[in-house]
Structures are given as structure tokens and as C-alpha cells.
């Protein structure tokens, strides 16, 4: 299991720092893990799962739109 620092999370998701923390507060993005002191990081597999969920949601919307358009 690997950790991702904020810059890595931003690069992987395309989200801004403020958006990452806003989504964490809203409970729609994985919360960071304390590394001690003021350092935090995100669990890589949790961030990857969040990204995969966004892709699945997009694909599902595409399918629903196609089916309802017929």
C-alpha cells in the first residue's frame, strides 16, 4: 500500500487543493491519513477507487442517456 501526497493527488485527479479538501469535508473524497506532525497523505488505492467511481458514473450516465433516447 502506498501513500500519495497532496501534489500527487492533485496531479492524479485534476482537482485543485481547495476542491480536494472541500470534497473531503463533504465526505465525497477519501480523507487523508496523518503521517505525524502536520504531514498528511492519501491512500493511493482509495484515490484510484474514487477516480474509477467517477468513470463508472460517467459511463452509466452515457448508457442511461442512450437507452432513454431510443
PDB file of N, CA and C in Angstrom:
ATOM      1  N   UNK A   1       0.851  -1.167   0.000  1.00  0.00           N
ATOM      2  CA  UNK A   1       0.000   0.000   0.000  1.00  0.00           C
ATOM      3  C   UNK A   1       0.902   1.237   0.000  1.00  0.00           C
ATOM      4  N   UNK A   2       0.519   2.217  -0.812  1.00  0.00           N
ATOM      5  CA  UNK A   2       1.335   3.425  -0.931  1.00  0.00           C
ATOM      6  C   UNK A   2       0.520   4.654  -0.561  1.00  0.00           C
ATOM      7  N   UNK A   3       1.237   5.679  -0.143  1.00  0.00           N
ATOM      8  CA  UNK A   3       0.623   6.967   0.149  1.00  0.00           C
ATOM      9  C   UNK A   3       0.870   7.938  -0.988  1.00  0.00           C
ATOM     10  N   UNK A   4      -0.040   8.884  -1.122  1.00  0.00           N
ATOM     11  CA  UNK A   4       0.105   9.965  -2.099  1.00  0.00           C
ATOM     12  C   UNK A   4       0.058  11.280  -1.330  1.00  0.00           C
ATOM     13  N   UNK A   5       0.997  12.156  -1.609  1.00  0.00           N
ATOM     14  CA  UNK A   5       0.953  13.491  -1.025  1.00  0.00           C
ATOM     15  C   UNK A   5       0.001  14.348  -1.852  1.00  0.00           C
ATOM     16  N   UNK A   6      -0.320  15.524  -1.356  1.00  0.00           N
ATOM     17  CA  UNK A   6      -1.320  16.375  -1.986  1.00  0.00           C
ATOM     18  C   UNK A   6      -1.000  16.667  -3.450  1.00  0.00           C
ATOM     19  N   UNK A   7       0.248  16.970  -3.767  1.00  0.00           N
ATOM     20  CA  UNK A   7       0.593  17.258  -5.167  1.00  0.00           C
ATOM     21  C   UNK A   7       0.326  16.058  -6.070  1.00  0.00           C
ATOM     22  N   UNK A   8       0.558  14.854  -5.555  1.00  0.00           N
ATOM     23  CA  UNK A   8       0.276  13.645  -6.330  1.00  0.00           C
ATOM     24  C   UNK A   8      -1.231  13.463  -6.523  1.00  0.00           C
ATOM     25  N   UNK A   9      -2.004  13.757  -5.478  1.00  0.00           N
ATOM     26  CA  UNK A   9      -3.469  13.656  -5.561  1.00  0.00           C
ATOM     27  C   UNK A   9      -3.989  14.656  -6.585  1.00  0.00           C
ATOM     28  N   UNK A  10      -3.485  15.878  -6.525  1.00  0.00           N
ATOM     29  CA  UNK A  10      -3.901  16.903  -7.480  1.00  0.00           C
ATOM     30  C   UNK A  10      -3.569  16.490  -8.905  1.00  0.00           C
ATOM     31  N   UNK A  11      -2.387  15.932  -9.111  1.00  0.00           N
ATOM     32  CA  UNK A  11      -1.988  15.508 -10.455  1.00  0.00           C
ATOM     33  C   UNK A  11      -2.850  14.351 -10.953  1.00  0.00           C
ATOM     34  N   UNK A  12      -3.169  13.412 -10.078  1.00  0.00           N
ATOM     35  CA  UNK A  12      -3.945  12.235 -10.480  1.00  0.00           C
ATOM     36  C   UNK A  12      -5.404  12.572 -10.762  1.00  0.00           C
ATOM     37  N   UNK A  13      -5.965  13.517 -10.002  1.00  0.00           N
ATOM     38  CA  UNK A  13      -7.393  13.807 -10.118  1.00  0.00           C
ATOM     39  C   UNK A  13      -7.704  15.033 -10.959  1.00  0.00           C
ATOM     40  N   UNK A  14      -6.753  15.929 -11.074  1.00  0.00           N
ATOM     41  CA  UNK A  14      -7.007  17.193 -11.760  1.00  0.00           C
ATOM     42  C   UNK A  14      -7.732  18.199 -10.886  1.00  0.00           C
ATOM     43  N   UNK A  15      -7.903  17.875  -9.614  1.00  0.00           N
ATOM     44  CA  UNK A  15      -8.595  18.766  -8.682  1.00  0.00           C
ATOM     45  C   UNK A  15      -7.622  19.775  -8.081  1.00  0.00           C
ATOM     46  N   UNK A  16      -8.142  20.923  -7.717  1.00  0.00           N
ATOM     47  CA  UNK A  16      -7.360  21.925  -7.001  1.00  0.00           C
ATOM     48  C   UNK A  16      -7.295  21.547  -5.524  1.00  0.00           C
ATOM     49  N   UNK A  17      -6.328  22.099  -4.818  1.00  0.00           N
ATOM     50  CA  UNK A  17      -6.150  21.830  -3.393  1.00  0.00           C
ATOM     51  C   UNK A  17      -7.442  22.105  -2.625  1.00  0.00           C
ATOM     52  N   UNK A  18      -8.038  23.260  -2.859  1.00  0.00           N
ATOM     53  CA  UNK A  18      -9.249  23.629  -2.123  1.00  0.00           C
ATOM     54  C   UNK A  18     -10.396  22.666  -2.421  1.00  0.00           C
ATOM     55  N   UNK A  19     -10.468  22.182  -3.647  1.00  0.00           N
ATOM     56  CA  UNK A  19     -11.528  21.243  -4.019  1.00  0.00           C
ATOM     57  C   UNK A  19     -11.316  19.896  -3.341  1.00  0.00           C
ATOM     58  N   UNK A  20     -10.072  19.440  -3.263  1.00  0.00           N
ATOM     59  CA  UNK A  20      -9.777  18.180  -2.569  1.00  0.00           C
ATOM     60  C   UNK A  20     -10.289  18.261  -1.136  1.00  0.00           C
ATOM     61  N   UNK A  21      -9.924  19.322  -0.429  1.00  0.00           N
ATOM     62  CA  UNK A  21     -10.330  19.450   0.970  1.00  0.00           C
ATOM     63  C   UNK A  21     -11.832  19.689   1.118  1.00  0.00           C
ATOM     64  N   UNK A  22     -12.440  20.391   0.165  1.00  0.00           N
ATOM     65  CA  UNK A  22     -13.894  20.583   0.195  1.00  0.00           C
ATOM     66  C   UNK A  22     -14.594  19.238   0.043  1.00  0.00           C
ATOM     67  N   UNK A  23     -14.140  18.412  -0.911  1.00  0.00           N
ATOM     68  CA  UNK A  23     -14.736  17.096  -1.116  1.00  0.00           C
ATOM     69  C   UNK A  23     -14.531  16.187   0.093  1.00  0.00           C
ATOM     70  N   UNK A  24     -13.357  16.284   0.738  1.00  0.00           N
ATOM     71  CA  UNK A  24     -13.119  15.501   1.957  1.00  0.00           C
ATOM     72  C   UNK A  24     -14.132  15.913   3.022  1.00  0.00           C
ATOM     73  N   UNK A  25     -14.313  17.216   3.197  1.00  0.00           N
ATOM     74  CA  UNK A  25     -15.256  17.727   4.199  1.00  0.00           C
ATOM     75  C   UNK A  25     -16.680  17.279   3.898  1.00  0.00           C
ATOM     76  N   UNK A  26     -17.043  17.218   2.609  1.00  0.00           N
ATOM     77  CA  UNK A  26     -18.381  16.785   2.209  1.00  0.00           C
ATOM     78  C   UNK A  26     -18.541  15.269   2.277  1.00  0.00           C
ATOM     79  N   UNK A  27     -17.439  14.555   2.465  1.00  0.00           N
ATOM     80  CA  UNK A  27     -17.489  13.100   2.544  1.00  0.00           C
ATOM     81  C   UNK A  27     -17.537  12.403   1.199  1.00  0.00           C
ATOM     82  N   UNK A  28     -17.181  13.118   0.127  1.00  0.00           N
ATOM     83  CA  UNK A  28     -17.231  12.517  -1.208  1.00  0.00           C
ATOM     84  C   UNK A  28     -15.844  12.191  -1.758  1.00  0.00           C
ATOM     85  N   UNK A  29     -14.803  12.419  -0.965  1.00  0.00           N
ATOM     86  CA  UNK A  29     -13.430  12.093  -1.361  1.00  0.00           C
ATOM     87  C   UNK A  29     -12.752  11.471  -0.153  1.00  0.00           C
ATOM     88  N   UNK A  30     -11.852  10.515  -0.377  1.00  0.00           N
ATOM     89  CA  UNK A  30     -11.194   9.864   0.759  1.00  0.00           C
ATOM     90  C   UNK A  30     -10.482  10.873   1.662  1.00  0.00           C
ATOM     91  N   UNK A  31     -10.562  10.653   2.948  1.00  0.00           N
ATOM     92  CA  UNK A  31      -9.876  11.509   3.915  1.00  0.00           C
ATOM     93  C   UNK A  31      -8.392  11.156   3.956  1.00  0.00           C
ATOM     94  N   UNK A  32      -7.561  12.149   4.223  1.00  0.00           N
ATOM     95  CA  UNK A  32      -6.131  11.862   4.330  1.00  0.00           C
ATOM     96  C   UNK A  32      -5.813  11.142   5.638  1.00  0.00           C
ATOM     97  N   UNK A  33      -4.630  10.547   5.660  1.00  0.00           N
ATOM     98  CA  UNK A  33      -4.119   9.849   6.829  1.00  0.00           C
ATOM     99  C   UNK A  33      -2.998  10.702   7.412  1.00  0.00           C
ATOM    100  N   UNK A  34      -2.978  10.860   8.720  1.00  0.00           N
ATOM    101  CA  UNK A  34      -1.917  11.623   9.366  1.00  0.00           C
ATOM    102  C   UNK A  34      -0.615  10.829   9.332  1.00  0.00           C
ATOM    103  N   UNK A  35       0.451  11.507   8.918  1.00  0.00           N
ATOM    104  CA  UNK A  35       1.773  10.885   8.914  1.00  0.00           C
ATOM    105  C   UNK A  35       2.593  11.351  10.109  1.00  0.00           C
ATOM    106  N   UNK A  36       2.003  12.177  10.935  1.00  0.00           N
ATOM    107  CA  UNK A  36       2.690  12.734  12.091  1.00  0.00           C
ATOM    108  C   UNK A  36       2.926  14.218  11.893  1.00  0.00           C
ATOM    109  N   UNK A  37       2.898  14.949  12.974  1.00  0.00           N
ATOM    110  CA  UNK A  37       3.051  16.395  12.862  1.00  0.00           C
ATOM    111  C   UNK A  37       1.939  16.970  12.013  1.00  0.00           C
ATOM    112  N   UNK A  38       2.311  17.780  11.039  1.00  0.00           N
ATOM    113  CA  UNK A  38       1.314  18.379  10.146  1.00  0.00           C
ATOM    114  C   UNK A  38       1.240  17.672   8.804  1.00  0.00           C
ATOM    115  N   UNK A  39       1.973  16.594   8.642  1.00  0.00           N
ATOM    116  CA  UNK A  39       2.024  15.895   7.355  1.00  0.00           C
ATOM    117  C   UNK A  39       0.855  14.925   7.210  1.00  0.00           C
ATOM    118  N   UNK A  40       0.207  14.975   6.045  1.00  0.00           N
ATOM    119  CA  UNK A  40      -0.859  14.034   5.725  1.00  0.00           C
ATOM    120  C   UNK A  40      -0.623  13.482   4.327  1.00  0.00           C
ATOM    121  N   UNK A  41      -1.258  12.360   4.059  1.00  0.00           N
ATOM    122  CA  UNK A  41      -1.190  11.748   2.732  1.00  0.00           C
ATOM    123  C   UNK A  41      -2.465  10.945   2.526  1.00  0.00           C
ATOM    124  N   UNK A  42      -2.725  10.614   1.281  1.00  0.00           N
ATOM    125  CA  UNK A  42      -3.899   9.827   0.927  1.00  0.00           C
ATOM    126  C   UNK A  42      -3.446   8.429   0.556  1.00  0.00           C
ATOM    127  N   UNK A  43      -4.288   7.442   0.834  1.00  0.00           N
ATOM    128  CA  UNK A  43      -4.001   6.061   0.458  1.00  0.00           C
ATOM    129  C   UNK A  43      -4.245   5.950  -1.050  1.00  0.00           C
ATOM    130  N   UNK A  44      -3.230   5.528  -1.771  1.00  0.00           N
ATOM    131  CA  UNK A  44      -3.276   5.512  -3.232  1.00  0.00           C
ATOM    132  C   UNK A  44      -4.464   4.715  -3.777  1.00  0.00           C
ATOM    133  N   UNK A  45      -4.720   3.538  -3.224  1.00  0.00           N
ATOM    134  CA  UNK A  45      -5.816   2.719  -3.753  1.00  0.00           C
ATOM    135  C   UNK A  45      -7.174   3.376  -3.522  1.00  0.00           C
ATOM    136  N   UNK A  46      -7.307   4.156  -2.456  1.00  0.00           N
ATOM    137  CA  UNK A  46      -8.569   4.863  -2.209  1.00  0.00           C
ATOM    138  C   UNK A  46      -8.778   5.973  -3.232  1.00  0.00           C
ATOM    139  N   UNK A  47      -7.716   6.685  -3.575  1.00  0.00           N
ATOM    140  CA  UNK A  47      -7.809   7.738  -4.592  1.00  0.00           C
ATOM    141  C   UNK A  47      -8.101   7.109  -5.954  1.00  0.00           C
ATOM    142  N   UNK A  48      -7.432   6.010  -6.261  1.00  0.00           N
ATOM    143  CA  UNK A  48      -7.681   5.323  -7.531  1.00  0.00           C
ATOM    144  C   UNK A  48      -9.123   4.820  -7.607  1.00  0.00           C
ATOM    145  N   UNK A  49      -9.653   4.336  -6.495  1.00  0.00           N
ATOM    146  CA  UNK A  49     -11.047   3.871  -6.469  1.00  0.00           C
ATOM    147  C   UNK A  49     -12.001   5.039  -6.696  1.00  0.00           C
ATOM    148  N   UNK A  50     -11.692   6.203  -6.131  1.00  0.00           N
ATOM    149  CA  UNK A  50     -12.527   7.391  -6.333  1.00  0.00           C
ATOM    150  C   UNK A  50     -12.536   7.774  -7.809  1.00  0.00           C
ATOM    151  N   UNK A  51     -11.368   7.737  -8.439  1.00  0.00           N
ATOM    152  CA  UNK A  51     -11.271   8.048  -9.871  1.00  0.00           C
ATOM    153  C   UNK A  51     -12.085   7.037 -10.679  1.00  0.00           C
ATOM    154  N   UNK A  52     -11.939   5.760 -10.363  1.00  0.00           N
ATOM    155  CA  UNK A  52     -12.683   4.714 -11.073  1.00  0.00           C
ATOM    156  C   UNK A  52     -14.190   4.903 -10.905  1.00  0.00           C
ATOM    157  N   UNK A  53     -14.619   5.333  -9.720  1.00  0.00           N
ATOM    158  CA  UNK A  53     -16.047   5.596  -9.493  1.00  0.00           C
ATOM    159  C   UNK A  53     -16.550   6.721 -10.390  1.00  0.00           C
ATOM    160  N   UNK A  54     -15.754   7.775 -10.556  1.00  0.00           N
ATOM    161  CA  UNK A  54     -16.152   8.880 -11.446  1.00  0.00           C
ATOM    162  C   UNK A  54     -16.318   8.375 -12.877  1.00  0.00           C
ATOM    163  N   UNK A  55     -15.423   7.487 -13.309  1.00  0.00           N
ATOM    164  CA  UNK A  55     -15.502   6.933 -14.666  1.00  0.00           C
ATOM    165  C   UNK A  55     -16.754   6.073 -14.804  1.00  0.00           C
ATOM    166  N   UNK A  56     -17.046   5.235 -13.786  1.00  0.00           N
ATOM    167  CA  UNK A  56     -18.249   4.398 -13.830  1.00  0.00           C
ATOM    168  C   UNK A  56     -19.511   5.253 -13.867  1.00  0.00           C
ATOM    169  N   UNK A  57     -19.541   6.327 -13.087  1.00  0.00           N
ATOM    170  CA  UNK A  57     -20.705   7.222 -13.101  1.00  0.00           C
ATOM    171  C   UNK A  57     -20.899   7.830 -14.487  1.00  0.00           C
ATOM    172  N   UNK A  58     -19.811   8.250 -15.116  1.00  0.00           N
ATOM    173  CA  UNK A  58     -19.894   8.817 -16.461  1.00  0.00           C
ATOM    174  C   UNK A  58     -20.428   7.792 -17.445  1.00  0.00           C
ATOM    175  N   UNK A  59     -19.880   6.582 -17.382  1.00  0.00           N
ATOM    176  CA  UNK A  59     -20.306   5.533 -18.302  1.00  0.00           C
ATOM    177  C   UNK A  59     -21.771   5.163 -18.089  1.00  0.00           C
ATOM    178  N   UNK A  60     -22.200   5.117 -16.846  1.00  0.00           N
ATOM    179  CA  UNK A  60     -23.595   4.801 -16.543  1.00  0.00           C
ATOM    180  C   UNK A  60     -24.520   5.886 -17.086  1.00  0.00           C
ATOM    181  N   UNK A  61     -24.143   7.151 -16.913  1.00  0.00           N
ATOM    182  CA  UNK A  61     -24.953   8.250 -17.462  1.00  0.00           C
ATOM    183  C   UNK A  61     -25.049   8.142 -18.972  1.00  0.00           C
ATOM    184  N   UNK A  62     -23.949   7.769 -19.626  1.00  0.00           N
ATOM    185  CA  UNK A  62     -23.944   7.612 -21.081  1.00  0.00           C
ATOM    186  C   UNK A  62     -24.904   6.509 -21.505  1.00  0.00           C
ATOM    187  N   UNK A  63     -24.883   5.390 -20.796  1.00  0.00           N
ATOM    188  CA  UNK A  63     -25.767   4.268 -21.116  1.00  0.00           C
ATOM    189  C   UNK A  63     -27.223   4.660 -20.897  1.00  0.00           C
ATOM    190  N   UNK A  64     -27.510   5.290 -19.773  1.00  0.00           N
ATOM    191  CA  UNK A  64     -28.885   5.698 -19.467  1.00  0.00           C
ATOM    192  C   UNK A  64     -29.381   6.689 -20.510  1.00  0.00           C
ATOM    193  N   UNK A  65     -28.548   7.624 -20.899  1.00  0.00           N
ATOM    194  CA  UNK A  65     -28.930   8.604 -21.917  1.00  0.00           C
ATOM    195  C   UNK A  65     -29.219   7.920 -23.242  1.00  0.00           C
ATOM    196  N   UNK A  66     -28.383   6.959 -23.616  1.00  0.00           N
ATOM    197  CA  UNK A  66     -28.580   6.246 -24.880  1.00  0.00           C
ATOM    198  C   UNK A  66     -29.867   5.426 -24.858  1.00  0.00           C
ATOM    199  N   UNK A  67     -30.135   4.763 -23.747  1.00  0.00           N
ATOM    200  CA  UNK A  67     -31.326   3.918 -23.638  1.00  0.00           C
ATOM    201  C   UNK A  67     -32.591   4.768 -23.626  1.00  0.00           C
ATOM    202  N   UNK A  68     -32.575   5.872 -22.908  1.00  0.00           N
ATOM    203  CA  UNK A  68     -33.771   6.708 -22.830  1.00  0.00           C
ATOM    204  C   UNK A  68     -34.006   7.494 -24.112  1.00  0.00           C
ATOM    205  N   UNK A  69     -32.987   7.655 -24.934  1.00  0.00           N
ATOM    206  CA  UNK A  69     -33.139   8.377 -26.199  1.00  0.00           C
ATOM    207  C   UNK A  69     -33.777   7.503 -27.273  1.00  0.00           C
ATOM    208  N   UNK A  70     -33.768   6.194 -27.058  1.00  0.00           N
ATOM    209  CA  UNK A  70     -34.321   5.272 -28.066  1.00  0.00           C
ATOM    210  C   UNK A  70     -35.816   5.223 -28.031  1.00  0.00           C
TER     211      UNK A  70
END
